[in-house]
Amino acid sequence: MDFEREGISIACGIHAGKCVTIEYRRDKGFNSLEFLGFKAVNHAGSGVIVERSATALKFTFKKDYPAIIESSQTGISSMRKKSEALEKGTH
């Protein structure tokens, strides 16, 4: 498959120095056969969380999910503290 010719973009979500999420995106979306094909290519068995939207297919490894969530919560907490500090400094 020629991803560029098909208008498919590929993104890799990096966590702890490795690709833990692969997302395929195309404006016109993916039909059912393409979806099944991408599941096979990405070995999307029981160890992978598969998300499908109107224009994207996303594959995330289950074993990495807890660390991804923990890091996200830590990042959000840090941003909230910085925002609150800025608000206190300007009021």
PDB file of N, CA and C in Angstrom:
ATOM      1  N   MET A   1       0.853  -1.181   0.000  1.00  0.00           N
ATOM      2  CA  MET A   1       0.000   0.000   0.000  1.00  0.00           C
ATOM      3  C   MET A   1       0.891   1.233   0.000  1.00  0.00           C
ATOM      4  N   ASP A   2       0.572   2.163  -0.842  1.00  0.00           N
ATOM      5  CA  ASP A   2       1.287   3.435  -0.913  1.00  0.00           C
ATOM      6  C   ASP A   2       0.520   4.440  -0.043  1.00  0.00           C
ATOM      7  N   PHE A   3       0.982   4.642   1.176  1.00  0.00           N
ATOM      8  CA  PHE A   3       0.273   5.497   2.126  1.00  0.00           C
ATOM      9  C   PHE A   3       0.133   6.922   1.606  1.00  0.00           C
ATOM     10  N   GLU A   4       1.173   7.449   0.997  1.00  0.00           N
ATOM     11  CA  GLU A   4       1.116   8.810   0.488  1.00  0.00           C
ATOM     12  C   GLU A   4       0.071   8.933  -0.619  1.00  0.00           C
ATOM     13  N   ARG A   5       0.089   8.010  -1.569  1.00  0.00           N
ATOM     14  CA  ARG A   5      -0.878   8.037  -2.666  1.00  0.00           C
ATOM     15  C   ARG A   5      -2.313   7.876  -2.152  1.00  0.00           C
ATOM     16  N   GLU A   6      -2.482   7.072  -1.123  1.00  0.00           N
ATOM     17  CA  GLU A   6      -3.810   6.831  -0.544  1.00  0.00           C
ATOM     18  C   GLU A   6      -4.259   7.953   0.396  1.00  0.00           C
ATOM     19  N   GLY A   7      -3.359   8.923   0.658  1.00  0.00           N
ATOM     20  CA  GLY A   7      -3.703  10.042   1.534  1.00  0.00           C
ATOM     21  C   GLY A   7      -3.768   9.664   3.000  1.00  0.00           C
ATOM     22  N   ILE A   8      -2.974   8.674   3.394  1.00  0.00           N
ATOM     23  CA  ILE A   8      -2.980   8.198   4.779  1.00  0.00           C
ATOM     24  C   ILE A   8      -1.762   8.755   5.506  1.00  0.00           C
ATOM     25  N   SER A   9      -2.012   9.410   6.646  1.00  0.00           N
ATOM     26  CA  SER A   9      -0.907   9.866   7.483  1.00  0.00           C
ATOM     27  C   SER A   9      -0.743   8.877   8.637  1.00  0.00           C
ATOM     28  N   ILE A  10       0.492   8.742   9.085  1.00  0.00           N
ATOM     29  CA  ILE A  10       0.807   7.820  10.172  1.00  0.00           C
ATOM     30  C   ILE A  10       1.491   8.602  11.275  1.00  0.00           C
ATOM     31  N   ALA A  11       1.012   8.421  12.497  1.00  0.00           N
ATOM     32  CA  ALA A  11       1.621   9.071  13.652  1.00  0.00           C
ATOM     33  C   ALA A  11       1.970   8.008  14.687  1.00  0.00           C
ATOM     34  N   CYS A  12       3.066   8.240  15.367  1.00  0.00           N
ATOM     35  CA  CYS A  12       3.518   7.316  16.406  1.00  0.00           C
ATOM     36  C   CYS A  12       3.582   8.076  17.721  1.00  0.00           C
ATOM     37  N   GLY A  13       2.882   7.584  18.722  1.00  0.00           N
ATOM     38  CA  GLY A  13       2.934   8.193  20.052  1.00  0.00           C
ATOM     39  C   GLY A  13       4.088   7.598  20.833  1.00  0.00           C
ATOM     40  N   ILE A  14       5.014   8.444  21.238  1.00  0.00           N
ATOM     41  CA  ILE A  14       6.210   8.000  21.957  1.00  0.00           C
ATOM     42  C   ILE A  14       5.991   8.151  23.456  1.00  0.00           C
ATOM     43  N   HIS A  15       6.357   7.118  24.199  1.00  0.00           N
ATOM     44  CA  HIS A  15       6.349   7.163  25.662  1.00  0.00           C
ATOM     45  C   HIS A  15       7.552   6.368  26.151  1.00  0.00           C
ATOM     46  N   ALA A  16       8.315   6.970  27.027  1.00  0.00           N
ATOM     47  CA  ALA A  16       9.501   6.312  27.590  1.00  0.00           C
ATOM     48  C   ALA A  16      10.442   5.811  26.490  1.00  0.00           C
ATOM     49  N   GLY A  17      10.553   6.598  25.420  1.00  0.00           N
ATOM     50  CA  GLY A  17      11.494   6.292  24.357  1.00  0.00           C
ATOM     51  C   GLY A  17      11.074   5.227  23.362  1.00  0.00           C
ATOM     52  N   LYS A  18       9.815   4.806  23.408  1.00  0.00           N
ATOM     53  CA  LYS A  18       9.373   3.805  22.430  1.00  0.00           C
ATOM     54  C   LYS A  18       7.986   4.155  21.912  1.00  0.00           C
ATOM     55  N   CYS A  19       7.691   3.642  20.725  1.00  0.00           N
ATOM     56  CA  CYS A  19       6.390   3.879  20.104  1.00  0.00           C
ATOM     57  C   CYS A  19       5.361   2.977  20.784  1.00  0.00           C
ATOM     58  N   VAL A  20       4.371   3.594  21.425  1.00  0.00           N
ATOM     59  CA  VAL A  20       3.351   2.817  22.130  1.00  0.00           C
ATOM     60  C   VAL A  20       1.980   2.939  21.487  1.00  0.00           C
ATOM     61  N   THR A  21       1.823   3.927  20.607  1.00  0.00           N
ATOM     62  CA  THR A  21       0.565   4.150  19.909  1.00  0.00           C
ATOM     63  C   THR A  21       0.850   4.427  18.446  1.00  0.00           C
ATOM     64  N   ILE A  22       0.127   3.764  17.575  1.00  0.00           N
ATOM     65  CA  ILE A  22       0.226   4.019  16.143  1.00  0.00           C
ATOM     66  C   ILE A  22      -1.153   4.460  15.668  1.00  0.00           C
ATOM     67  N   GLU A  23      -1.182   5.594  14.971  1.00  0.00           N
ATOM     68  CA  GLU A  23      -2.456   6.105  14.476  1.00  0.00           C
ATOM     69  C   GLU A  23      -2.364   6.345  12.972  1.00  0.00           C
ATOM     70  N   TYR A  24      -3.352   5.830  12.273  1.00  0.00           N
ATOM     71  CA  TYR A  24      -3.488   6.035  10.832  1.00  0.00           C
ATOM     72  C   TYR A  24      -4.668   6.971  10.644  1.00  0.00           C
ATOM     73  N   ARG A  25      -4.495   7.996   9.805  1.00  0.00           N
ATOM     74  CA  ARG A  25      -5.558   8.983   9.611  1.00  0.00           C
ATOM     75  C   ARG A  25      -5.723   9.271   8.111  1.00  0.00           C
ATOM     76  N   ARG A  26      -6.978   9.353   7.697  1.00  0.00           N
ATOM     77  CA  ARG A  26      -7.298   9.694   6.309  1.00  0.00           C
ATOM     78  C   ARG A  26      -8.633  10.423   6.303  1.00  0.00           C
ATOM     79  N   ASP A  27      -8.700  11.517   5.565  1.00  0.00           N
ATOM     80  CA  ASP A  27      -9.907  12.346   5.533  1.00  0.00           C
ATOM     81  C   ASP A  27     -11.169  11.552   5.218  1.00  0.00           C
ATOM     82  N   LYS A  28     -11.073  10.621   4.282  1.00  0.00           N
ATOM     83  CA  LYS A  28     -12.277   9.860   3.897  1.00  0.00           C
ATOM     84  C   LYS A  28     -12.510   8.641   4.786  1.00  0.00           C
ATOM     85  N   GLY A  29     -11.654   8.423   5.771  1.00  0.00           N
ATOM     86  CA  GLY A  29     -11.837   7.304   6.687  1.00  0.00           C
ATOM     87  C   GLY A  29     -11.384   5.979   6.095  1.00  0.00           C
ATOM     88  N   PHE A  30     -11.777   4.888   6.730  1.00  0.00           N
ATOM     89  CA  PHE A  30     -11.367   3.545   6.339  1.00  0.00           C
ATOM     90  C   PHE A  30     -12.596   2.651   6.279  1.00  0.00           C
ATOM     91  N   ASN A  31     -12.688   1.845   5.226  1.00  0.00           N
ATOM     92  CA  ASN A  31     -13.820   0.923   5.142  1.00  0.00           C
ATOM     93  C   ASN A  31     -13.544  -0.310   6.016  1.00  0.00           C
ATOM     94  N   SER A  32     -14.518  -1.176   6.131  1.00  0.00           N
ATOM     95  CA  SER A  32     -14.409  -2.340   7.030  1.00  0.00           C
ATOM     96  C   SER A  32     -13.259  -3.276   6.658  1.00  0.00           C
ATOM     97  N   LEU A  33     -13.052  -3.509   5.366  1.00  0.00           N
ATOM     98  CA  LEU A  33     -11.950  -4.384   4.948  1.00  0.00           C
ATOM     99  C   LEU A  33     -10.590  -3.768   5.267  1.00  0.00           C
ATOM    100  N   GLU A  34     -10.462  -2.464   5.061  1.00  0.00           N
ATOM    101  CA  GLU A  34      -9.209  -1.784   5.405  1.00  0.00           C
ATOM    102  C   GLU A  34      -8.965  -1.862   6.906  1.00  0.00           C
ATOM    103  N   PHE A  35     -10.027  -1.661   7.685  1.00  0.00           N
ATOM    104  CA  PHE A  35      -9.914  -1.751   9.139  1.00  0.00           C
ATOM    105  C   PHE A  35      -9.391  -3.120   9.557  1.00  0.00           C
ATOM    106  N   LEU A  36      -9.953  -4.174   9.002  1.00  0.00           N
ATOM    107  CA  LEU A  36      -9.489  -5.532   9.315  1.00  0.00           C
ATOM    108  C   LEU A  36      -8.042  -5.725   8.881  1.00  0.00           C
ATOM    109  N   GLY A  37      -7.668  -5.167   7.744  1.00  0.00           N
ATOM    110  CA  GLY A  37      -6.294  -5.265   7.269  1.00  0.00           C
ATOM    111  C   GLY A  37      -5.314  -4.583   8.200  1.00  0.00           C
ATOM    112  N   PHE A  38      -5.663  -3.398   8.662  1.00  0.00           N
ATOM    113  CA  PHE A  38      -4.779  -2.682   9.583  1.00  0.00           C
ATOM    114  C   PHE A  38      -4.679  -3.411  10.919  1.00  0.00           C
ATOM    115  N   LYS A  39      -5.772  -4.023  11.360  1.00  0.00           N
ATOM    116  CA  LYS A  39      -5.714  -4.817  12.594  1.00  0.00           C
ATOM    117  C   LYS A  39      -4.719  -5.963  12.433  1.00  0.00           C
ATOM    118  N   ALA A  40      -4.730  -6.610  11.294  1.00  0.00           N
ATOM    119  CA  ALA A  40      -3.806  -7.726  11.053  1.00  0.00           C
ATOM    120  C   ALA A  40      -2.367  -7.238  10.971  1.00  0.00           C
ATOM    121  N   VAL A  41      -2.143  -6.142  10.253  1.00  0.00           N
ATOM    122  CA  VAL A  41      -0.786  -5.588  10.109  1.00  0.00           C
ATOM    123  C   VAL A  41      -0.209  -5.208  11.471  1.00  0.00           C
ATOM    124  N   ASN A  42      -1.046  -4.700  12.359  1.00  0.00           N
ATOM    125  CA  ASN A  42      -0.588  -4.242  13.669  1.00  0.00           C
ATOM    126  C   ASN A  42      -0.710  -5.317  14.746  1.00  0.00           C
ATOM    127  N   HIS A  43      -0.953  -6.546  14.332  1.00  0.00           N
ATOM    128  CA  HIS A  43      -1.060  -7.676  15.274  1.00  0.00           C
ATOM    129  C   HIS A  43      -1.983  -7.311  16.438  1.00  0.00           C
ATOM    130  N   ALA A  44      -3.138  -6.760  16.116  1.00  0.00           N
ATOM    131  CA  ALA A  44      -4.075  -6.258  17.117  1.00  0.00           C
ATOM    132  C   ALA A  44      -4.895  -7.384  17.716  1.00  0.00           C
ATOM    133  N   GLY A  45      -4.260  -8.162  18.539  1.00  0.00           N
ATOM    134  CA  GLY A  45      -4.955  -9.220  19.258  1.00  0.00           C
ATOM    135  C   GLY A  45      -5.412  -8.704  20.606  1.00  0.00           C
ATOM    136  N   SER A  46      -5.411  -9.559  21.593  1.00  0.00           N
ATOM    137  CA  SER A  46      -5.898  -9.178  22.913  1.00  0.00           C
ATOM    138  C   SER A  46      -4.972  -8.201  23.626  1.00  0.00           C
ATOM    139  N   GLY A  47      -3.742  -8.039  23.150  1.00  0.00           N
ATOM    140  CA  GLY A  47      -2.796  -7.132  23.812  1.00  0.00           C
ATOM    141  C   GLY A  47      -2.811  -5.723  23.278  1.00  0.00           C
ATOM    142  N   VAL A  48      -3.791  -5.399  22.443  1.00  0.00           N
ATOM    143  CA  VAL A  48      -3.836  -4.079  21.819  1.00  0.00           C
ATOM    144  C   VAL A  48      -5.234  -3.479  21.955  1.00  0.00           C
ATOM    145  N   ILE A  49      -5.276  -2.204  22.326  1.00  0.00           N
ATOM    146  CA  ILE A  49      -6.536  -1.471  22.370  1.00  0.00           C
ATOM    147  C   ILE A  49      -6.698  -0.810  21.010  1.00  0.00           C
ATOM    148  N   VAL A  50      -7.823  -1.056  20.354  1.00  0.00           N
ATOM    149  CA  VAL A  50      -8.090  -0.509  19.028  1.00  0.00           C
ATOM    150  C   VAL A  50      -9.200   0.524  19.140  1.00  0.00           C
ATOM    151  N   GLU A  51      -8.920   1.725  18.631  1.00  0.00           N
ATOM    152  CA  GLU A  51      -9.923   2.780  18.601  1.00  0.00           C
ATOM    153  C   GLU A  51     -10.170   3.150  17.143  1.00  0.00           C
ATOM    154  N   ARG A  52     -11.435   3.272  16.801  1.00  0.00           N
ATOM    155  CA  ARG A  52     -11.789   3.627  15.428  1.00  0.00           C
ATOM    156  C   ARG A  52     -12.718   4.824  15.457  1.00  0.00           C
ATOM    157  N   SER A  53     -12.348   5.860  14.715  1.00  0.00           N
ATOM    158  CA  SER A  53     -13.221   7.025  14.575  1.00  0.00           C
ATOM    159  C   SER A  53     -13.573   7.173  13.099  1.00  0.00           C
ATOM    160  N   ALA A  54     -14.267   8.232  12.763  1.00  0.00           N
ATOM    161  CA  ALA A  54     -14.695   8.421  11.372  1.00  0.00           C
ATOM    162  C   ALA A  54     -13.515   8.547  10.416  1.00  0.00           C
ATOM    163  N   THR A  55     -12.384   9.090  10.901  1.00  0.00           N
ATOM    164  CA  THR A  55     -11.249   9.327   9.999  1.00  0.00           C
ATOM    165  C   THR A  55      -9.943   8.697  10.465  1.00  0.00           C
ATOM    166  N   ALA A  56      -9.970   7.923  11.555  1.00  0.00           N
ATOM    167  CA  ALA A  56      -8.707   7.403  12.087  1.00  0.00           C
ATOM    168  C   ALA A  56      -8.843   6.007  12.683  1.00  0.00           C
ATOM    169  N   LEU A  57      -7.714   5.310  12.687  1.00  0.00           N
ATOM    170  CA  LEU A  57      -7.566   4.025  13.372  1.00  0.00           C
ATOM    171  C   LEU A  57      -6.378   4.187  14.308  1.00  0.00           C
ATOM    172  N   LYS A  58      -6.561   3.820  15.572  1.00  0.00           N
ATOM    173  CA  LYS A  58      -5.500   4.000  16.560  1.00  0.00           C
ATOM    174  C   LYS A  58      -5.288   2.695  17.314  1.00  0.00           C
ATOM    175  N   PHE A  59      -4.030   2.293  17.422  1.00  0.00           N
ATOM    176  CA  PHE A  59      -3.658   1.053  18.094  1.00  0.00           C
ATOM    177  C   PHE A  59      -2.716   1.386  19.243  1.00  0.00           C
ATOM    178  N   THR A  60      -3.072   0.975  20.468  1.00  0.00           N
ATOM    179  CA  THR A  60      -2.253   1.220  21.650  1.00  0.00           C
ATOM    180  C   THR A  60      -2.026  -0.100  22.367  1.00  0.00           C
ATOM    181  N   PHE A  61      -0.790  -0.360  22.753  1.00  0.00           N
ATOM    182  CA  PHE A  61      -0.463  -1.592  23.458  1.00  0.00           C
ATOM    183  C   PHE A  61      -0.985  -1.517  24.893  1.00  0.00           C
ATOM    184  N   LYS A  62      -1.779  -2.512  25.309  1.00  0.00           N
ATOM    185  CA  LYS A  62      -2.385  -2.523  26.644  1.00  0.00           C
ATOM    186  C   LYS A  62      -1.351  -2.452  27.757  1.00  0.00           C
ATOM    187  N   LYS A  63      -0.224  -3.120  27.568  1.00  0.00           N
ATOM    188  CA  LYS A  63       0.779  -3.152  28.643  1.00  0.00           C
ATOM    189  C   LYS A  63       1.352  -1.765  28.910  1.00  0.00           C
ATOM    190  N   ASP A  64       1.291  -0.866  27.937  1.00  0.00           N
ATOM    191  CA  ASP A  64       1.812   0.491  28.099  1.00  0.00           C
ATOM    192  C   ASP A  64       0.759   1.478  28.587  1.00  0.00           C
ATOM    193  N   TYR A  65      -0.500   1.102  28.548  1.00  0.00           N
ATOM    194  CA  TYR A  65      -1.592   2.017  28.861  1.00  0.00           C
ATOM    195  C   TYR A  65      -1.509   2.616  30.262  1.00  0.00           C
ATOM    196  N   PRO A  66      -1.256   1.817  31.326  1.00  0.00           N
ATOM    197  CA  PRO A  66      -1.171   2.405  32.676  1.00  0.00           C
ATOM    198  C   PRO A  66      -0.086   3.480  32.785  1.00  0.00           C
ATOM    199  N   ALA A  67       1.067   3.261  32.189  1.00  0.00           N
ATOM    200  CA  ALA A  67       2.147   4.255  32.257  1.00  0.00           C
ATOM    201  C   ALA A  67       1.781   5.513  31.476  1.00  0.00           C
ATOM    202  N   ILE A  68       1.080   5.345  30.354  1.00  0.00           N
ATOM    203  CA  ILE A  68       0.650   6.502  29.562  1.00  0.00           C
ATOM    204  C   ILE A  68      -0.323   7.351  30.383  1.00  0.00           C
ATOM    205  N   ILE A  69      -1.279   6.715  31.031  1.00  0.00           N
ATOM    206  CA  ILE A  69      -2.266   7.432  31.838  1.00  0.00           C
ATOM    207  C   ILE A  69      -1.583   8.132  33.009  1.00  0.00           C
ATOM    208  N   GLU A  70      -0.681   7.425  33.679  1.00  0.00           N
ATOM    209  CA  GLU A  70       0.026   8.015  34.820  1.00  0.00           C
ATOM    210  C   GLU A  70       0.819   9.250  34.399  1.00  0.00           C
ATOM    211  N   SER A  71       1.514   9.156  33.289  1.00  0.00           N
ATOM    212  CA  SER A  71       2.288  10.299  32.792  1.00  0.00           C
ATOM    213  C   SER A  71       1.376  11.457  32.415  1.00  0.00           C
ATOM    214  N   SER A  72       0.246  11.154  31.815  1.00  0.00           N
ATOM    215  CA  SER A  72      -0.710  12.205  31.450  1.00  0.00           C
ATOM    216  C   SER A  72      -1.224  12.919  32.698  1.00  0.00           C
ATOM    217  N   GLN A  73      -1.557  12.160  33.721  1.00  0.00           N
ATOM    218  CA  GLN A  73      -2.050  12.758  34.960  1.00  0.00           C
ATOM    219  C   GLN A  73      -0.977  13.618  35.614  1.00  0.00           C
ATOM    220  N   THR A  74       0.266  13.160  35.586  1.00  0.00           N
ATOM    221  CA  THR A  74       1.372  13.934  36.144  1.00  0.00           C
ATOM    222  C   THR A  74       1.547  15.232  35.369  1.00  0.00           C
ATOM    223  N   GLY A  75       1.484  15.148  34.049  1.00  0.00           N
ATOM    224  CA  GLY A  75       1.618  16.341  33.213  1.00  0.00           C
ATOM    225  C   GLY A  75       0.497  17.332  33.439  1.00  0.00           C
ATOM    226  N   ILE A  76      -0.724  16.845  33.547  1.00  0.00           N
ATOM    227  CA  ILE A  76      -1.878  17.712  33.781  1.00  0.00           C
ATOM    228  C   ILE A  76      -1.760  18.383  35.148  1.00  0.00           C
ATOM    229  N   SER A  77      -1.349  17.626  36.145  1.00  0.00           N
ATOM    230  CA  SER A  77      -1.175  18.179  37.487  1.00  0.00           C
ATOM    231  C   SER A  77      -0.122  19.286  37.486  1.00  0.00           C
ATOM    232  N   SER A  78       0.968  19.050  36.788  1.00  0.00           N
ATOM    233  CA  SER A  78       2.039  20.046  36.700  1.00  0.00           C
ATOM    234  C   SER A  78       1.549  21.315  35.997  1.00  0.00           C
ATOM    235  N   MET A  79       0.821  21.148  34.892  1.00  0.00           N
ATOM    236  CA  MET A  79       0.292  22.313  34.175  1.00  0.00           C
ATOM    237  C   MET A  79      -0.692  23.088  35.041  1.00  0.00           C
ATOM    238  N   ARG A  80      -1.513  22.373  35.811  1.00  0.00           N
ATOM    239  CA  ARG A  80      -2.491  23.025  36.676  1.00  0.00           C
ATOM    240  C   ARG A  80      -1.784  23.865  37.740  1.00  0.00           C
ATOM    241  N   LYS A  81      -0.714  23.313  38.342  1.00  0.00           N
ATOM    242  CA  LYS A  81       0.041  24.047  39.363  1.00  0.00           C
ATOM    243  C   LYS A  81       0.672  25.304  38.778  1.00  0.00           C
ATOM    244  N   LYS A  82       1.239  25.201  37.577  1.00  0.00           N
ATOM    245  CA  LYS A  82       1.850  26.368  36.927  1.00  0.00           C
ATOM    246  C   LYS A  82       0.791  27.418  36.623  1.00  0.00           C
ATOM    247  N   SER A  83      -0.362  26.985  36.146  1.00  0.00           N
ATOM    248  CA  SER A  83      -1.443  27.906  35.824  1.00  0.00           C
ATOM    249  C   SER A  83      -1.935  28.617  37.073  1.00  0.00           C
ATOM    250  N   GLU A  84      -2.105  27.880  38.151  1.00  0.00           N
ATOM    251  CA  GLU A  84      -2.566  28.478  39.412  1.00  0.00           C
ATOM    252  C   GLU A  84      -1.535  29.472  39.942  1.00  0.00           C
ATOM    253  N   ALA A  85      -0.242  29.144  39.797  1.00  0.00           N
ATOM    254  CA  ALA A  85       0.808  30.060  40.245  1.00  0.00           C
ATOM    255  C   ALA A  85       0.788  31.342  39.425  1.00  0.00           C
ATOM    256  N   LEU A  86       0.565  31.224  38.129  1.00  0.00           N
ATOM    257  CA  LEU A  86       0.492  32.414  37.273  1.00  0.00           C
ATOM    258  C   LEU A  86      -0.725  33.266  37.640  1.00  0.00           C
ATOM    259  N   GLU A  87      -1.852  32.624  37.899  1.00  0.00           N
ATOM    260  CA  GLU A  87      -3.061  33.357  38.279  1.00  0.00           C
ATOM    261  C   GLU A  87      -2.868  34.103  39.596  1.00  0.00           C
ATOM    262  N   LYS A  88      -2.226  33.477  40.558  1.00  0.00           N
ATOM    263  CA  LYS A  88      -1.975  34.134  41.853  1.00  0.00           C
ATOM    264  C   LYS A  88      -1.028  35.308  41.681  1.00  0.00           C
ATOM    265  N   GLY A  89      -0.087  35.177  40.760  1.00  0.00           N
ATOM    266  CA  GLY A  89       0.883  36.248  40.526  1.00  0.00           C
ATOM    267  C   GLY A  89       0.293  37.446  39.810  1.00  0.00           C
ATOM    268  N   THR A  90      -0.787  37.267  39.072  1.00  0.00           N
ATOM    269  CA  THR A  90      -1.364  38.364  38.305  1.00  0.00           C
ATOM    270  C   THR A  90      -2.554  39.008  39.014  1.00  0.00           C
ATOM    271  N   HIS A  91      -3.029  38.411  40.076  1.00  0.00           N
ATOM    272  CA  HIS A  91      -4.192  38.981  40.779  1.00  0.00           C
ATOM    273  C   HIS A  91      -3.783  39.638  42.044  1.00  0.00           C
TER     274      HIS A  91
END
